[in-house]
Amino acid sequence: MTLREAKKGQEYTILRIETDDEELNAFLFSLGCYSGEKITVITHRRSSCTVSIKDGRYNIDKQLAEAILVEE
């Protein structure tokens, strides 16, 4: 499932990130957003969502949330 479909407050494991943009991949990696890492959705909004990765909270847009595939 994508991060956009994930339930609020539940911890997931990132399976992969589906993007061809190397700069975006490098940015996400610097945030700690990569395969095998734990991620939690804090809140969903119409055009974005807030997530917790490691000790940080980040606001990501819905297109990026749809590119992040997770599993329970």
N, C-alpha and C. Protein backbone atom coordinates (compact mmCIF):
# COMPACT_ATOMS: atom_id res chain seq x y z
N MET A 1 0.84 -1.17 0.00
CA MET A 1 0.00 0.00 0.00
C MET A 1 0.89 1.23 0.00
N THR A 2 0.32 2.36 -0.40
CA THR A 2 1.09 3.59 -0.38
C THR A 2 0.93 4.27 0.98
N LEU A 3 1.81 5.21 1.24
CA LEU A 3 1.73 5.96 2.50
C LEU A 3 0.44 6.77 2.56
N ARG A 4 -0.07 7.16 1.43
CA ARG A 4 -1.34 7.92 1.36
C ARG A 4 -2.50 7.07 1.90
N GLU A 5 -2.44 5.77 1.74
CA GLU A 5 -3.50 4.86 2.20
C GLU A 5 -3.29 4.37 3.63
N ALA A 6 -2.14 4.67 4.21
CA ALA A 6 -1.80 4.18 5.54
C ALA A 6 -2.70 4.82 6.61
N LYS A 7 -2.94 4.05 7.68
CA LYS A 7 -3.76 4.54 8.79
C LYS A 7 -2.96 5.45 9.70
N LYS A 8 -3.63 6.47 10.16
CA LYS A 8 -3.01 7.44 11.06
C LYS A 8 -2.64 6.76 12.37
N GLY A 9 -1.43 7.03 12.87
CA GLY A 9 -0.99 6.54 14.16
C GLY A 9 -0.38 5.15 14.15
N GLN A 10 -0.37 4.48 13.02
CA GLN A 10 0.19 3.13 12.95
C GLN A 10 1.58 3.17 12.33
N GLU A 11 2.49 2.36 12.87
CA GLU A 11 3.85 2.30 12.36
C GLU A 11 3.94 1.32 11.19
N TYR A 12 4.64 1.73 10.16
CA TYR A 12 4.82 0.91 8.96
C TYR A 12 6.31 0.82 8.64
N THR A 13 6.65 -0.14 7.80
CA THR A 13 8.01 -0.28 7.29
C THR A 13 8.00 0.13 5.82
N ILE A 14 8.94 0.96 5.44
CA ILE A 14 9.04 1.40 4.05
C ILE A 14 9.57 0.25 3.20
N LEU A 15 8.83 -0.13 2.17
CA LEU A 15 9.27 -1.17 1.24
C LEU A 15 10.18 -0.59 0.17
N ARG A 16 9.70 0.46 -0.47
CA ARG A 16 10.49 1.13 -1.51
C ARG A 16 9.86 2.48 -1.83
N ILE A 17 10.62 3.27 -2.56
CA ILE A 17 10.15 4.58 -3.01
C ILE A 17 10.18 4.56 -4.53
N GLU A 18 9.03 4.77 -5.14
CA GLU A 18 8.91 4.70 -6.59
C GLU A 18 9.04 6.08 -7.21
N THR A 19 10.26 6.47 -7.49
CA THR A 19 10.54 7.73 -8.18
C THR A 19 11.83 7.58 -8.98
N ASP A 20 11.89 8.26 -10.10
CA ASP A 20 13.10 8.22 -10.93
C ASP A 20 13.98 9.43 -10.68
N ASP A 21 13.57 10.30 -9.77
CA ASP A 21 14.30 11.54 -9.48
C ASP A 21 15.39 11.25 -8.44
N GLU A 22 16.63 11.21 -8.88
CA GLU A 22 17.76 10.90 -7.99
C GLU A 22 17.94 11.96 -6.90
N GLU A 23 17.68 13.21 -7.24
CA GLU A 23 17.79 14.29 -6.25
C GLU A 23 16.76 14.10 -5.14
N LEU A 24 15.55 13.72 -5.49
CA LEU A 24 14.50 13.46 -4.51
C LEU A 24 14.87 12.25 -3.66
N ASN A 25 15.40 11.20 -4.28
CA ASN A 25 15.83 10.03 -3.52
C ASN A 25 16.91 10.38 -2.51
N ALA A 26 17.86 11.22 -2.91
CA ALA A 26 18.93 11.63 -2.00
C ALA A 26 18.37 12.46 -0.85
N PHE A 27 17.42 13.33 -1.14
CA PHE A 27 16.80 14.14 -0.10
C PHE A 27 16.06 13.26 0.90
N LEU A 28 15.26 12.32 0.41
CA LEU A 28 14.52 11.41 1.29
C LEU A 28 15.47 10.57 2.13
N PHE A 29 16.55 10.12 1.53
CA PHE A 29 17.55 9.34 2.26
C PHE A 29 18.15 10.16 3.40
N SER A 30 18.39 11.46 3.15
CA SER A 30 18.95 12.32 4.20
C SER A 30 17.98 12.51 5.36
N LEU A 31 16.67 12.35 5.09
CA LEU A 31 15.67 12.43 6.15
C LEU A 31 15.52 11.11 6.91
N GLY A 32 16.10 10.05 6.35
CA GLY A 32 15.95 8.72 6.95
C GLY A 32 14.83 7.93 6.32
N CYS A 33 14.35 8.38 5.18
CA CYS A 33 13.24 7.72 4.48
C CYS A 33 13.82 6.83 3.38
N TYR A 34 14.01 5.53 3.72
CA TYR A 34 14.54 4.57 2.77
C TYR A 34 14.02 3.17 3.13
N SER A 35 14.21 2.22 2.26
CA SER A 35 13.71 0.86 2.45
C SER A 35 14.16 0.28 3.78
N GLY A 36 13.22 -0.32 4.49
CA GLY A 36 13.52 -0.96 5.76
C GLY A 36 13.32 -0.07 6.97
N GLU A 37 13.19 1.23 6.76
CA GLU A 37 13.03 2.18 7.87
C GLU A 37 11.56 2.24 8.31
N LYS A 38 11.34 2.52 9.58
CA LYS A 38 10.01 2.65 10.14
C LYS A 38 9.48 4.06 9.89
N ILE A 39 8.17 4.17 9.61
CA ILE A 39 7.53 5.46 9.37
C ILE A 39 6.12 5.42 9.95
N THR A 40 5.68 6.52 10.52
CA THR A 40 4.34 6.61 11.11
C THR A 40 3.64 7.84 10.55
N VAL A 41 2.39 7.67 10.11
CA VAL A 41 1.59 8.80 9.66
C VAL A 41 0.99 9.47 10.88
N ILE A 42 1.25 10.74 11.06
CA ILE A 42 0.71 11.49 12.20
C ILE A 42 -0.67 12.03 11.84
N THR A 43 -0.78 12.60 10.65
CA THR A 43 -2.06 13.15 10.21
C THR A 43 -2.13 13.17 8.69
N HIS A 44 -3.34 13.04 8.15
CA HIS A 44 -3.61 13.17 6.72
C HIS A 44 -4.34 14.48 6.50
N ARG A 45 -3.95 15.19 5.46
CA ARG A 45 -4.67 16.38 5.01
C ARG A 45 -5.03 16.18 3.55
N ARG A 46 -5.81 17.08 3.01
CA ARG A 46 -6.24 16.94 1.62
C ARG A 46 -5.05 16.89 0.66
N SER A 47 -4.10 17.78 0.82
CA SER A 47 -3.00 17.85 -0.13
C SER A 47 -1.65 17.39 0.43
N SER A 48 -1.62 16.93 1.68
CA SER A 48 -0.36 16.50 2.28
C SER A 48 -0.61 15.59 3.47
N CYS A 49 0.47 15.12 4.05
CA CYS A 49 0.37 14.38 5.31
C CYS A 49 1.64 14.62 6.12
N THR A 50 1.51 14.50 7.43
CA THR A 50 2.63 14.66 8.33
C THR A 50 3.06 13.28 8.78
N VAL A 51 4.36 13.01 8.70
CA VAL A 51 4.89 11.70 9.06
C VAL A 51 6.01 11.84 10.08
N SER A 52 6.25 10.76 10.79
CA SER A 52 7.35 10.70 11.74
C SER A 52 8.33 9.65 11.23
N ILE A 53 9.58 10.08 11.04
CA ILE A 53 10.65 9.19 10.63
C ILE A 53 11.78 9.39 11.62
N LYS A 54 12.18 8.30 12.27
CA LYS A 54 13.18 8.37 13.34
C LYS A 54 12.71 9.37 14.38
N ASP A 55 13.46 10.43 14.64
CA ASP A 55 13.06 11.41 15.65
C ASP A 55 12.51 12.68 15.05
N GLY A 56 12.23 12.70 13.75
CA GLY A 56 11.77 13.92 13.10
C GLY A 56 10.35 13.80 12.57
N ARG A 57 9.71 14.96 12.44
CA ARG A 57 8.38 15.04 11.82
C ARG A 57 8.50 15.87 10.56
N TYR A 58 7.87 15.38 9.49
CA TYR A 58 7.97 16.03 8.20
C TYR A 58 6.60 16.09 7.54
N ASN A 59 6.37 17.16 6.80
CA ASN A 59 5.15 17.32 6.03
C ASN A 59 5.50 17.01 4.57
N ILE A 60 4.81 16.04 3.97
CA ILE A 60 5.08 15.67 2.59
C ILE A 60 3.80 15.80 1.78
N ASP A 61 3.95 16.14 0.50
CA ASP A 61 2.76 16.30 -0.33
C ASP A 61 2.19 14.95 -0.75
N LYS A 62 0.96 14.98 -1.27
CA LYS A 62 0.27 13.72 -1.57
C LYS A 62 0.93 12.93 -2.68
N GLN A 63 1.58 13.61 -3.64
CA GLN A 63 2.25 12.88 -4.72
C GLN A 63 3.42 12.07 -4.18
N LEU A 64 4.16 12.66 -3.27
CA LEU A 64 5.28 11.93 -2.66
C LEU A 64 4.76 10.80 -1.77
N ALA A 65 3.69 11.05 -1.04
CA ALA A 65 3.09 10.02 -0.19
C ALA A 65 2.63 8.82 -1.02
N GLU A 66 2.18 9.08 -2.23
CA GLU A 66 1.75 7.99 -3.11
C GLU A 66 2.92 7.23 -3.71
N ALA A 67 4.12 7.81 -3.68
CA ALA A 67 5.31 7.15 -4.22
C ALA A 67 6.02 6.29 -3.17
N ILE A 68 5.65 6.44 -1.89
CA ILE A 68 6.28 5.68 -0.81
C ILE A 68 5.42 4.46 -0.51
N LEU A 69 5.94 3.28 -0.78
CA LEU A 69 5.21 2.04 -0.53
C LEU A 69 5.62 1.47 0.82
N VAL A 70 4.61 1.08 1.60
CA VAL A 70 4.85 0.60 2.96
C VAL A 70 4.12 -0.72 3.21
N GLU A 71 4.53 -1.41 4.29
CA GLU A 71 3.84 -2.60 4.75
C GLU A 71 3.76 -2.54 6.28
N GLU A 72 2.76 -3.23 6.81
CA GLU A 72 2.60 -3.25 8.27
C GLU A 72 3.67 -4.08 8.91
